[in-house]
Amino acid sequence: MASSFNAVGAFALPAGSRDAAVELTLAPGGYTVHVSPATGATGEVLIEIYELP
């Protein structure tokens, strides 16, 4: 996945990071992202979405 990060200019996740990254192939259209923690905690989320070349 590091090559995908480099391709779009995204920062790499450090080793041992609890952050997550997903690479998907989706059909054209509109999408919604819903985030909820398993613990039920509240907080803030930063979501970055890139289109890979």
C-alpha atoms as a PDB file:
ATOM      1  CA  MET A   1       0.000   0.000   0.000  1.00  0.00           C
ATOM      2  CA  ALA A   2       3.003   2.307   0.427  1.00  0.00           C
ATOM      3  CA  SER A   3       3.292   2.642  -3.363  1.00  0.00           C
ATOM      4  CA  SER A   4      -0.337   3.877  -3.460  1.00  0.00           C
ATOM      5  CA  PHE A   5       0.426   6.455  -0.757  1.00  0.00           C
ATOM      6  CA  ASN A   6       3.385   7.697  -2.809  1.00  0.00           C
ATOM      7  CA  ALA A   7       1.344   7.801  -6.046  1.00  0.00           C
ATOM      8  CA  VAL A   8      -1.131  10.319  -4.587  1.00  0.00           C
ATOM      9  CA  GLY A   9       1.262  12.237  -2.325  1.00  0.00           C
ATOM     10  CA  ALA A  10      -0.273  10.951   0.920  1.00  0.00           C
ATOM     11  CA  PHE A  11       1.813  10.588   4.056  1.00  0.00           C
ATOM     12  CA  ALA A  12       2.862   7.085   5.094  1.00  0.00           C
ATOM     13  CA  LEU A  13       1.503   5.554   8.283  1.00  0.00           C
ATOM     14  CA  PRO A  14       4.215   4.966  10.878  1.00  0.00           C
ATOM     15  CA  ALA A  15       5.027   1.423  11.977  1.00  0.00           C
ATOM     16  CA  GLY A  16       2.711   0.353  14.808  1.00  0.00           C
ATOM     17  CA  SER A  17       0.157   3.053  13.972  1.00  0.00           C
ATOM     18  CA  ARG A  18      -3.456   2.463  15.006  1.00  0.00           C
ATOM     19  CA  ASP A  19      -4.610   4.381  11.913  1.00  0.00           C
ATOM     20  CA  ALA A  20      -6.298   2.502   9.095  1.00  0.00           C
ATOM     21  CA  ALA A  21      -6.098   2.594   5.306  1.00  0.00           C
ATOM     22  CA  VAL A  22      -8.263   0.839   2.737  1.00  0.00           C
ATOM     23  CA  GLU A  23      -7.719   0.585  -1.005  1.00  0.00           C
ATOM     24  CA  LEU A  24     -10.887  -0.139  -2.983  1.00  0.00           C
ATOM     25  CA  THR A  25     -12.024  -0.260  -6.584  1.00  0.00           C
ATOM     26  CA  LEU A  26     -15.494   1.278  -6.808  1.00  0.00           C
ATOM     27  CA  ALA A  27     -17.946   1.847  -9.627  1.00  0.00           C
ATOM     28  CA  PRO A  28     -18.542   5.515 -10.552  1.00  0.00           C
ATOM     29  CA  GLY A  29     -21.146   7.180  -8.363  1.00  0.00           C
ATOM     30  CA  GLY A  30     -21.730   8.916  -5.048  1.00  0.00           C
ATOM     31  CA  TYR A  31     -20.694   7.355  -1.754  1.00  0.00           C
ATOM     32  CA  THR A  32     -21.097   8.129   1.948  1.00  0.00           C
ATOM     33  CA  VAL A  33     -18.585   7.297   4.674  1.00  0.00           C
ATOM     34  CA  HIS A  34     -19.973   6.378   8.093  1.00  0.00           C
ATOM     35  CA  VAL A  35     -17.549   6.042  11.017  1.00  0.00           C
ATOM     36  CA  SER A  36     -18.389   4.583  14.423  1.00  0.00           C
ATOM     37  CA  PRO A  37     -16.028   3.063  16.992  1.00  0.00           C
ATOM     38  CA  ALA A  38     -16.544  -0.417  18.397  1.00  0.00           C
ATOM     39  CA  THR A  39     -16.210   1.050  21.912  1.00  0.00           C
ATOM     40  CA  GLY A  40     -19.034   3.577  21.500  1.00  0.00           C
ATOM     41  CA  ALA A  41     -16.650   6.439  22.328  1.00  0.00           C
ATOM     42  CA  THR A  42     -17.015   9.867  20.740  1.00  0.00           C
ATOM     43  CA  GLY A  43     -14.405  12.029  19.090  1.00  0.00           C
ATOM     44  CA  GLU A  44     -13.261  13.452  15.798  1.00  0.00           C
ATOM     45  CA  VAL A  45     -12.341  11.630  12.610  1.00  0.00           C
ATOM     46  CA  LEU A  46     -10.227  12.766   9.685  1.00  0.00           C
ATOM     47  CA  ILE A  47     -11.009  10.984   6.430  1.00  0.00           C
ATOM     48  CA  GLU A  48      -8.869  11.489   3.343  1.00  0.00           C
ATOM     49  CA  ILE A  49     -10.035  10.093  -0.001  1.00  0.00           C
ATOM     50  CA  TYR A  50      -7.742   9.895  -3.011  1.00  0.00           C
ATOM     51  CA  GLU A  51      -8.242   8.771  -6.587  1.00  0.00           C
ATOM     52  CA  LEU A  52      -5.352   6.540  -7.620  1.00  0.00           C
ATOM     53  CA  PRO A  53      -3.842   7.028 -11.052  1.00  0.00           C
END
